[in-house]
N, C-alpha and C. Protein backbone atom coordinates (compact mmCIF):
# COMPACT_ATOMS: atom_id res chain seq x y z
N MET A 1 86.27 62.13 7.23
CA MET A 1 86.35 61.48 5.93
C MET A 1 85.58 62.27 4.86
N ALA A 2 84.41 62.76 5.28
CA ALA A 2 83.68 63.58 4.32
C ALA A 2 84.48 64.86 3.94
N GLN A 3 85.19 65.38 4.86
CA GLN A 3 86.01 66.64 4.59
C GLN A 3 87.06 66.28 3.49
N ARG A 4 87.63 65.09 3.57
CA ARG A 4 88.66 64.80 2.61
C ARG A 4 88.05 64.62 1.20
N LEU A 5 86.82 64.03 1.15
CA LEU A 5 86.14 63.92 -0.11
C LEU A 5 85.77 65.25 -0.68
N GLU A 6 85.32 66.19 0.17
CA GLU A 6 85.01 67.58 -0.37
C GLU A 6 86.28 68.25 -0.82
N LYS A 7 87.39 68.05 -0.14
CA LYS A 7 88.64 68.69 -0.60
C LYS A 7 89.01 68.13 -1.95
N ILE A 8 88.91 66.83 -2.12
CA ILE A 8 89.33 66.16 -3.37
C ILE A 8 88.41 66.67 -4.47
N LYS A 9 87.04 66.78 -4.25
CA LYS A 9 86.12 67.30 -5.20
C LYS A 9 86.43 68.71 -5.63
N ALA A 10 86.79 69.49 -4.64
CA ALA A 10 87.12 70.96 -4.92
C ALA A 10 88.44 70.99 -5.77
N ASP A 11 89.40 70.22 -5.36
CA ASP A 11 90.62 70.12 -6.18
C ASP A 11 90.41 69.74 -7.59
N LEU A 12 89.51 68.69 -7.79
CA LEU A 12 89.14 68.18 -9.08
C LEU A 12 88.51 69.31 -9.94
N GLU A 13 87.57 69.98 -9.27
CA GLU A 13 86.88 71.10 -10.01
C GLU A 13 87.82 72.22 -10.40
N ALA A 14 88.74 72.57 -9.50
CA ALA A 14 89.75 73.57 -9.88
C ALA A 14 90.64 73.10 -10.92
N ALA A 15 91.03 71.85 -10.97
CA ALA A 15 91.90 71.33 -12.05
C ALA A 15 91.12 71.34 -13.39
N LYS A 16 89.78 70.98 -13.39
CA LYS A 16 89.01 71.03 -14.56
C LYS A 16 88.95 72.46 -15.17
N GLU A 17 88.76 73.42 -14.25
CA GLU A 17 88.74 74.84 -14.71
C GLU A 17 90.08 75.26 -15.33
N LYS A 18 91.21 74.86 -14.69
CA LYS A 18 92.48 75.19 -15.23
C LYS A 18 92.66 74.52 -16.57
N ARG A 19 92.20 73.24 -16.71
CA ARG A 19 92.35 72.50 -17.95
C ARG A 19 91.55 73.26 -19.04
N ALA A 20 90.33 73.69 -18.74
CA ALA A 20 89.51 74.40 -19.71
C ALA A 20 90.17 75.72 -20.12
N TRP A 21 90.79 76.38 -19.10
CA TRP A 21 91.54 77.66 -19.50
C TRP A 21 92.70 77.34 -20.41
N TRP A 22 93.45 76.30 -20.04
CA TRP A 22 94.68 75.92 -20.89
C TRP A 22 94.21 75.48 -22.27
N ASP A 23 93.12 74.71 -22.38
CA ASP A 23 92.66 74.24 -23.69
C ASP A 23 92.29 75.47 -24.56
N ASN A 24 91.64 76.46 -23.96
CA ASN A 24 91.33 77.67 -24.71
C ASN A 24 92.52 78.40 -25.09
N ARG A 25 93.47 78.46 -24.22
CA ARG A 25 94.75 79.13 -24.48
C ARG A 25 95.47 78.44 -25.68
N ILE A 26 95.54 77.13 -25.66
CA ILE A 26 96.17 76.37 -26.72
C ILE A 26 95.44 76.71 -28.11
N ARG A 27 94.13 76.64 -28.08
CA ARG A 27 93.42 76.95 -29.36
C ARG A 27 93.73 78.31 -29.84
N TYR A 28 93.76 79.31 -28.93
CA TYR A 28 93.99 80.66 -29.27
C TYR A 28 95.45 80.79 -29.91
N LEU A 29 96.41 80.17 -29.26
CA LEU A 29 97.77 80.24 -29.71
C LEU A 29 97.97 79.53 -31.06
N GLU A 30 97.32 78.40 -31.23
CA GLU A 30 97.39 77.63 -32.48
C GLU A 30 96.83 78.52 -33.63
N LYS A 31 95.64 79.17 -33.34
CA LYS A 31 95.11 80.02 -34.40
C LYS A 31 96.03 81.21 -34.71
N LYS A 32 96.57 81.78 -33.66
CA LYS A 32 97.44 82.89 -33.80
C LYS A 32 98.74 82.50 -34.67
N LEU A 33 99.26 81.34 -34.34
CA LEU A 33 100.38 80.86 -35.07
C LEU A 33 100.06 80.62 -36.56
N SER A 34 98.93 80.03 -36.81
CA SER A 34 98.50 79.75 -38.08
C SER A 34 98.27 81.03 -38.88
N ASP A 35 97.63 82.02 -38.30
CA ASP A 35 97.39 83.32 -38.95
C ASP A 35 98.73 83.99 -39.26
N GLU A 36 99.69 83.92 -38.32
CA GLU A 36 100.94 84.59 -38.54
C GLU A 36 101.71 83.91 -39.74
N GLU A 37 101.69 82.52 -39.74
CA GLU A 37 102.35 81.80 -40.85
C GLU A 37 101.73 82.20 -42.16
N LYS A 38 100.41 82.33 -42.25
CA LYS A 38 99.73 82.73 -43.52
C LYS A 38 100.13 84.16 -43.87
N THR A 39 100.20 85.03 -42.88
CA THR A 39 100.60 86.42 -43.18
C THR A 39 102.01 86.47 -43.74
N ILE A 40 102.94 85.69 -43.15
CA ILE A 40 104.32 85.66 -43.68
C ILE A 40 104.36 85.17 -45.10
N VAL A 41 103.68 84.09 -45.43
CA VAL A 41 103.62 83.54 -46.75
C VAL A 41 103.06 84.60 -47.69
N HIS A 42 101.96 85.21 -47.30
CA HIS A 42 101.31 86.27 -48.16
C HIS A 42 102.28 87.38 -48.41
N ASP A 43 102.95 87.85 -47.41
CA ASP A 43 103.92 88.96 -47.57
C ASP A 43 105.08 88.54 -48.50
N ILE A 44 105.54 87.33 -48.42
CA ILE A 44 106.60 86.88 -49.34
C ILE A 44 106.13 86.88 -50.72
N VAL A 45 104.96 86.28 -50.98
CA VAL A 45 104.32 86.24 -52.36
C VAL A 45 104.12 87.67 -52.85
N LYS A 46 103.62 88.50 -52.05
CA LYS A 46 103.35 89.91 -52.45
C LYS A 46 104.63 90.61 -52.79
N ALA A 47 105.70 90.40 -51.98
CA ALA A 47 106.99 91.08 -52.20
C ALA A 47 107.60 90.60 -53.48
N ALA A 48 107.41 89.36 -53.83
CA ALA A 48 107.93 88.73 -55.06
C ALA A 48 107.18 89.10 -56.24
N ASP A 49 106.01 89.73 -56.07
CA ASP A 49 105.16 90.20 -57.17
C ASP A 49 104.83 89.11 -58.12
N LEU A 50 104.37 87.97 -57.64
CA LEU A 50 104.14 86.81 -58.49
C LEU A 50 102.67 86.74 -58.80
N THR A 51 102.32 86.30 -60.03
CA THR A 51 100.95 86.03 -60.38
C THR A 51 100.60 84.62 -59.82
N PRO A 52 99.37 84.27 -59.67
CA PRO A 52 99.06 82.93 -59.24
C PRO A 52 99.70 81.80 -60.09
N GLU A 53 99.82 82.05 -61.42
CA GLU A 53 100.31 81.06 -62.28
C GLU A 53 101.89 80.97 -62.03
N GLU A 54 102.56 82.04 -61.80
CA GLU A 54 103.97 82.03 -61.46
C GLU A 54 104.24 81.37 -60.23
N LEU A 55 103.38 81.71 -59.22
CA LEU A 55 103.50 81.02 -57.90
C LEU A 55 103.32 79.52 -58.00
N ALA A 56 102.38 79.11 -58.80
CA ALA A 56 102.24 77.64 -58.99
C ALA A 56 103.46 77.04 -59.64
N GLN A 57 104.10 77.69 -60.57
CA GLN A 57 105.31 77.20 -61.17
C GLN A 57 106.44 77.12 -60.15
N VAL A 58 106.56 78.10 -59.31
CA VAL A 58 107.64 78.11 -58.30
C VAL A 58 107.40 76.92 -57.36
N ILE A 59 106.15 76.73 -56.94
CA ILE A 59 105.91 75.59 -55.99
C ILE A 59 106.14 74.29 -56.63
N ALA A 60 105.72 74.16 -57.91
CA ALA A 60 105.91 72.89 -58.62
C ALA A 60 107.44 72.58 -58.74
N TYR A 61 108.22 73.64 -59.04
CA TYR A 61 109.66 73.48 -59.15
C TYR A 61 110.30 73.06 -57.77
N ALA A 62 109.86 73.79 -56.78
CA ALA A 62 110.42 73.51 -55.39
C ALA A 62 110.04 72.12 -54.93
N LYS A 63 108.99 71.64 -55.37
CA LYS A 63 108.59 70.28 -54.89
C LYS A 63 109.58 69.20 -55.43
N ASN A 64 110.20 69.46 -56.56
CA ASN A 64 111.06 68.43 -57.19
C ASN A 64 112.51 68.74 -57.13
N HIS A 65 112.89 69.86 -56.56
CA HIS A 65 114.36 70.22 -56.61
C HIS A 65 114.85 70.82 -55.27
N LEU A 66 116.04 70.47 -54.98
CA LEU A 66 116.78 71.01 -53.80
C LEU A 66 117.96 71.81 -54.37
N PRO A 67 118.62 72.64 -53.55
CA PRO A 67 119.76 73.29 -54.07
C PRO A 67 120.75 72.22 -54.56
N GLY A 68 121.46 72.57 -55.73
CA GLY A 68 122.32 71.61 -56.30
C GLY A 68 121.59 70.81 -57.40
N ASN A 69 120.41 71.12 -57.69
CA ASN A 69 119.63 70.41 -58.78
C ASN A 69 119.35 68.99 -58.44
N ALA A 70 119.33 68.58 -57.16
CA ALA A 70 119.02 67.19 -56.78
C ALA A 70 117.54 67.09 -56.51
N PRO A 71 116.84 66.26 -57.26
CA PRO A 71 115.37 66.07 -57.00
C PRO A 71 115.19 65.57 -55.58
N ILE A 72 114.08 66.06 -54.95
CA ILE A 72 113.78 65.63 -53.60
C ILE A 72 113.60 64.16 -53.50
N THR A 73 112.95 63.55 -54.44
CA THR A 73 112.65 62.06 -54.43
C THR A 73 113.88 61.32 -54.46
N ALA A 74 114.89 61.74 -55.30
CA ALA A 74 116.14 61.03 -55.34
C ALA A 74 116.96 61.16 -54.02
N THR A 75 116.90 62.29 -53.44
CA THR A 75 117.59 62.50 -52.16
C THR A 75 116.89 61.64 -51.10
N THR A 76 115.61 61.65 -51.07
CA THR A 76 114.91 60.92 -50.11
C THR A 76 115.20 59.42 -50.25
N GLU A 77 115.22 58.89 -51.46
CA GLU A 77 115.50 57.48 -51.73
C GLU A 77 116.90 57.17 -51.29
N ASP A 78 117.87 58.07 -51.56
CA ASP A 78 119.25 57.85 -51.15
C ASP A 78 119.34 57.75 -49.68
N SER A 79 118.64 58.61 -48.99
CA SER A 79 118.67 58.65 -47.48
C SER A 79 118.10 57.36 -46.95
N LYS A 80 117.04 56.84 -47.57
CA LYS A 80 116.38 55.54 -47.15
C LYS A 80 117.40 54.45 -47.33
N GLU A 81 118.19 54.48 -48.44
CA GLU A 81 119.15 53.40 -48.70
C GLU A 81 120.22 53.42 -47.64
N GLU A 82 120.66 54.60 -47.24
CA GLU A 82 121.72 54.82 -46.27
C GLU A 82 121.22 54.31 -44.91
N ILE A 83 119.98 54.54 -44.58
CA ILE A 83 119.43 54.13 -43.34
C ILE A 83 119.30 52.61 -43.32
N ASP A 84 118.86 52.01 -44.44
CA ASP A 84 118.69 50.55 -44.53
C ASP A 84 120.04 49.89 -44.37
N GLU A 85 121.10 50.46 -44.85
CA GLU A 85 122.39 49.87 -44.85
C GLU A 85 123.02 49.86 -43.43
N GLU A 86 122.58 50.81 -42.65
CA GLU A 86 123.08 50.84 -41.22
C GLU A 86 122.36 49.87 -40.45
């Protein structure tokens, strides 16, 4: 019986070590993903040769418009109405 307990304890310890390794791996990959996303955004802004003020204008415009000149809020409200009707 004591041997079974020792085996379970050893398995538990091994699982905790694996969990710690995977937790570290997840943190590493999340940081890597975030850094890559930031690099892509930076490269796009740099390639567009925008000043901070111009970038702010582009972002403000993008927040309120979709292709076809439909404001995002109107499209979202229309979608909500369609969902409610179903």
